[in-house]
Amino acid sequence: MKKIGQGWQYTTYDLENGRVFKKFHSWTKAYFVILRDIFPFDKDSLFEIPSFIKDVKRKADESFEIMKRVNIPQEWMANPRFINKYDFEQDKVSPLHEVFESSNTEEAKKIIDLFIEFNLKLLNLGVIDKGFNITKNYGLDNDGQIVLIDIGELFDNKELINQQLKDRGWTHSYVGGCIQDKEAREYFISEMDRNFKS
């Protein structure tokens, strides 16, 4: 298996059969992943790492419970298959940060439209991805459809959803700011505001 990605919750490996394997971090592994990510501690303190690890696990637990309660089509989440409580396989898709890198402005806007349409469908089920983190949490499958690849940060609590919409998380630099094309980035923020601002 070849390692192809890593976040605060998981390391992703290519199974080379059209699927990926996502391995949930042990406490120690999570500590060092987060430590490396927040260094040189401009915004977050070294002493916050244990609470970050606890929060990451809590989010995963809550998210997987939501998946049991809400009938989200499996293909919307790249057909996850759990190996145990936290580790799972998914279809291998093209992460949106890669798709945007090879897209012109008009193509990027079409992807953004698909992203908004997808998230409106999720919201109609009473669910959102916590931060609408377009470049990191979503991908494009072989049929050109948007899928959620980070399934560990789902919300279905109405108050939390309304708070996320009110906070306009899509305007944060680590979300909308990751769309390199300036015109596409501005389009993303204005369209998210138009469709989701509470």
Protein backbone atom coordinates (compact mmCIF):
# COMPACT_ATOMS: atom_id res chain seq x y z
CA MET A 1 0.00 0.00 0.00
CA LYS A 2 1.23 3.43 -0.91
CA LYS A 3 0.57 6.37 1.42
CA ILE A 4 -1.21 9.13 -0.50
CA GLY A 5 -2.50 11.48 2.19
CA GLN A 6 -2.73 12.33 5.85
CA GLY A 7 -4.90 14.51 8.08
CA TRP A 8 -5.56 14.88 11.80
CA GLN A 9 -7.81 11.78 11.85
CA TYR A 10 -6.47 9.44 9.19
CA THR A 11 -3.63 8.33 6.98
CA THR A 12 -4.83 7.32 3.51
CA TYR A 13 -3.28 4.48 1.50
CA ASP A 14 -3.86 3.53 -2.13
CA LEU A 15 -4.97 -0.12 -2.34
CA GLU A 16 -4.26 0.00 -6.11
CA ASN A 17 -7.60 -1.62 -6.92
CA GLY A 18 -9.69 1.53 -7.31
CA ARG A 19 -10.08 1.80 -3.53
CA VAL A 20 -8.23 3.53 -0.68
CA PHE A 21 -7.72 2.45 2.91
CA LYS A 22 -8.09 5.01 5.70
CA LYS A 23 -6.27 4.14 8.91
CA PHE A 24 -7.38 6.03 12.04
CA HIS A 25 -4.44 7.44 14.00
CA SER A 26 -3.37 6.05 17.33
CA TRP A 27 -3.05 8.67 20.08
CA THR A 28 0.74 8.86 19.54
CA LYS A 29 0.46 9.11 15.76
CA ALA A 30 -2.20 11.83 16.05
CA TYR A 31 0.01 13.74 18.48
CA PHE A 32 2.92 13.90 16.05
CA VAL A 33 0.72 14.66 13.00
CA ILE A 34 -0.93 17.57 14.82
CA LEU A 35 2.37 18.75 16.32
CA ARG A 36 3.91 18.97 12.86
CA ASP A 37 0.83 20.74 11.50
CA ILE A 38 0.59 23.46 14.17
CA PHE A 39 4.34 24.11 14.52
CA PRO A 40 5.71 26.82 15.11
CA PHE A 41 2.67 27.35 17.38
CA ASP A 42 1.66 30.76 15.97
CA LYS A 43 -2.05 30.06 16.47
CA ASP A 44 -2.24 26.95 18.64
CA SER A 45 -0.26 25.87 21.69
CA LEU A 46 1.60 22.60 22.10
CA PHE A 47 -0.48 22.04 25.24
CA GLU A 48 -3.72 22.03 23.22
CA ILE A 49 -2.76 18.89 21.28
CA PRO A 50 -4.36 16.40 23.74
CA SER A 51 -7.67 18.28 23.51
CA PHE A 52 -7.39 18.33 19.70
CA ILE A 53 -6.89 14.54 19.68
CA LYS A 54 -9.90 14.04 21.96
CA ASP A 55 -12.00 16.32 19.72
CA VAL A 56 -10.96 14.46 16.55
CA LYS A 57 -12.05 11.14 18.05
CA ARG A 58 -15.32 12.61 19.36
CA LYS A 59 -16.12 14.03 15.91
CA ALA A 60 -15.48 10.64 14.28
CA ASP A 61 -17.70 8.86 16.84
CA GLU A 62 -20.53 11.35 16.34
CA SER A 63 -20.17 11.25 12.58
CA PHE A 64 -20.36 7.47 12.37
CA GLU A 65 -23.46 7.50 14.61
CA ILE A 66 -25.05 10.02 12.22
CA MET A 67 -24.31 7.65 9.33
CA LYS A 68 -26.29 4.95 11.16
CA ARG A 69 -29.24 7.29 11.82
CA VAL A 70 -29.45 9.15 8.51
CA ASN A 71 -29.88 7.36 5.22
CA ILE A 72 -27.06 9.05 3.30
CA PRO A 73 -26.57 7.27 -0.05
CA GLN A 74 -23.32 5.31 0.10
CA GLU A 75 -22.19 6.62 -3.28
CA TRP A 76 -22.30 10.18 -1.87
CA MET A 77 -19.49 9.10 0.49
CA ALA A 78 -17.43 7.12 -2.04
CA ASN A 79 -18.94 3.82 -0.84
CA PRO A 80 -17.24 3.38 2.54
CA ARG A 81 -16.79 -0.11 3.95
CA PHE A 82 -15.71 -0.29 7.58
CA ILE A 83 -13.01 -2.77 8.57
CA ASN A 84 -13.46 -2.03 12.28
CA LYS A 85 -14.90 0.83 14.35
CA TYR A 86 -12.68 3.51 12.76
CA ASP A 87 -10.73 2.11 9.80
CA PHE A 88 -12.45 1.87 6.43
CA GLU A 89 -12.06 1.59 2.68
CA GLN A 90 -13.51 4.00 0.11
CA ASP A 91 -13.56 4.39 -3.65
CA LYS A 92 -10.48 6.21 -4.90
CA VAL A 93 -11.56 9.58 -6.28
CA SER A 94 -9.82 12.80 -7.34
CA PRO A 95 -9.58 15.18 -4.35
CA LEU A 96 -10.94 18.61 -5.27
CA HIS A 97 -7.65 20.36 -4.50
CA GLU A 98 -6.13 18.33 -7.35
CA VAL A 99 -9.11 18.96 -9.62
CA PHE A 100 -8.92 22.73 -9.06
CA GLU A 101 -5.18 22.76 -9.84
CA SER A 102 -5.87 21.48 -13.36
CA SER A 103 -9.07 23.52 -13.97
CA ASN A 104 -9.53 26.90 -15.60
CA THR A 105 -11.86 29.49 -14.03
CA GLU A 106 -15.02 28.33 -15.79
CA GLU A 107 -14.36 24.67 -15.02
CA ALA A 108 -13.70 25.58 -11.38
CA LYS A 109 -17.03 27.45 -11.21
CA LYS A 110 -18.86 24.38 -12.56
CA ILE A 111 -17.23 22.24 -9.85
CA ILE A 112 -18.30 24.81 -7.24
CA ASP A 113 -21.88 24.63 -8.57
CA LEU A 114 -21.79 20.82 -8.23
CA PHE A 115 -20.36 21.18 -4.72
CA ILE A 116 -23.18 23.52 -3.67
CA GLU A 117 -25.82 21.27 -5.23
CA PHE A 118 -24.33 18.28 -3.36
CA ASN A 119 -24.29 20.11 -0.02
CA LEU A 120 -27.87 21.31 -0.47
CA LYS A 121 -28.86 17.64 -0.91
CA LEU A 122 -26.99 16.76 2.29
CA LEU A 123 -28.66 19.64 4.12
CA ASN A 124 -32.06 18.39 2.92
CA LEU A 125 -31.24 15.16 4.80
CA GLY A 126 -30.49 17.28 7.87
CA VAL A 127 -26.71 16.82 7.66
CA ILE A 128 -23.68 18.95 6.82
CA ASP A 129 -19.94 18.46 6.67
CA LYS A 130 -18.66 20.61 9.55
CA GLY A 131 -16.59 23.13 7.63
CA PHE A 132 -17.66 22.78 3.97
CA ASN A 133 -13.93 22.22 3.43
CA ILE A 134 -14.19 22.04 -0.34
CA THR A 135 -10.58 21.31 -1.29
CA LYS A 136 -9.79 18.78 1.45
CA ASN A 137 -12.99 16.92 2.34
CA TYR A 138 -14.49 16.35 -1.12
CA GLY A 139 -13.59 14.65 -4.35
CA LEU A 140 -14.81 13.99 -7.88
CA ASP A 141 -15.67 10.38 -8.71
CA ASN A 142 -15.25 8.62 -12.05
CA ASP A 143 -18.71 9.80 -13.13
CA GLY A 144 -17.83 13.45 -12.45
CA GLN A 145 -19.98 13.60 -9.31
CA ILE A 146 -19.01 15.32 -6.06
CA VAL A 147 -18.50 12.92 -3.15
CA LEU A 148 -17.64 13.44 0.50
CA ILE A 149 -14.32 11.75 1.20
CA ASP A 150 -13.87 12.94 4.80
CA ILE A 151 -16.79 11.26 6.57
CA GLY A 152 -15.50 11.99 10.07
CA GLU A 153 -16.94 15.49 10.55
CA LEU A 154 -20.68 15.24 9.96
CA PHE A 155 -23.22 17.31 11.92
CA ASP A 156 -26.95 16.62 12.20
CA ASN A 157 -27.74 18.78 15.23
CA LYS A 158 -29.92 21.70 14.03
CA GLU A 159 -28.35 24.20 16.43
CA LEU A 160 -24.82 23.22 15.41
CA ILE A 161 -25.76 23.35 11.73
CA ASN A 162 -27.28 26.81 12.12
CA GLN A 163 -24.17 27.98 13.99
CA GLN A 164 -21.90 26.69 11.23
CA LEU A 165 -23.98 28.46 8.61
CA LYS A 166 -23.99 31.66 10.66
CA ASP A 167 -20.20 31.46 11.08
CA ARG A 168 -19.73 31.22 7.28
CA GLY A 169 -16.90 28.71 7.57
CA TRP A 170 -16.43 28.80 3.80
CA THR A 171 -14.83 32.27 4.14
CA HIS A 172 -11.94 30.95 6.29
CA SER A 173 -8.53 30.90 4.65
CA TYR A 174 -8.19 27.12 5.11
CA VAL A 175 -11.47 26.58 3.21
CA GLY A 176 -12.24 29.11 0.46
CA GLY A 177 -8.71 30.44 0.57
CA CYS A 178 -7.43 27.10 -0.73
CA ILE A 179 -9.05 27.75 -4.12
CA GLN A 180 -6.08 29.33 -5.91
CA ASP A 181 -7.99 30.95 -8.77
CA LYS A 182 -9.07 34.35 -7.39
CA GLU A 183 -12.22 34.66 -9.51
CA ALA A 184 -13.30 31.09 -8.67
CA ARG A 185 -12.59 31.72 -4.97
CA GLU A 186 -14.75 34.87 -4.96
CA TYR A 187 -17.47 32.97 -6.83
CA PHE A 188 -17.33 30.18 -4.24
CA ILE A 189 -17.80 32.58 -1.33
CA SER A 190 -20.59 34.57 -2.98
CA GLU A 191 -22.48 31.42 -4.06
CA MET A 192 -22.08 29.82 -0.63
CA ASP A 193 -23.42 33.03 0.93
CA ARG A 194 -26.35 33.05 -1.47
CA ASN A 195 -27.26 29.41 -0.82
CA PHE A 196 -26.32 28.83 2.83
CA LYS A 197 -25.97 32.08 4.75
CA SER A 198 -28.50 31.97 7.59
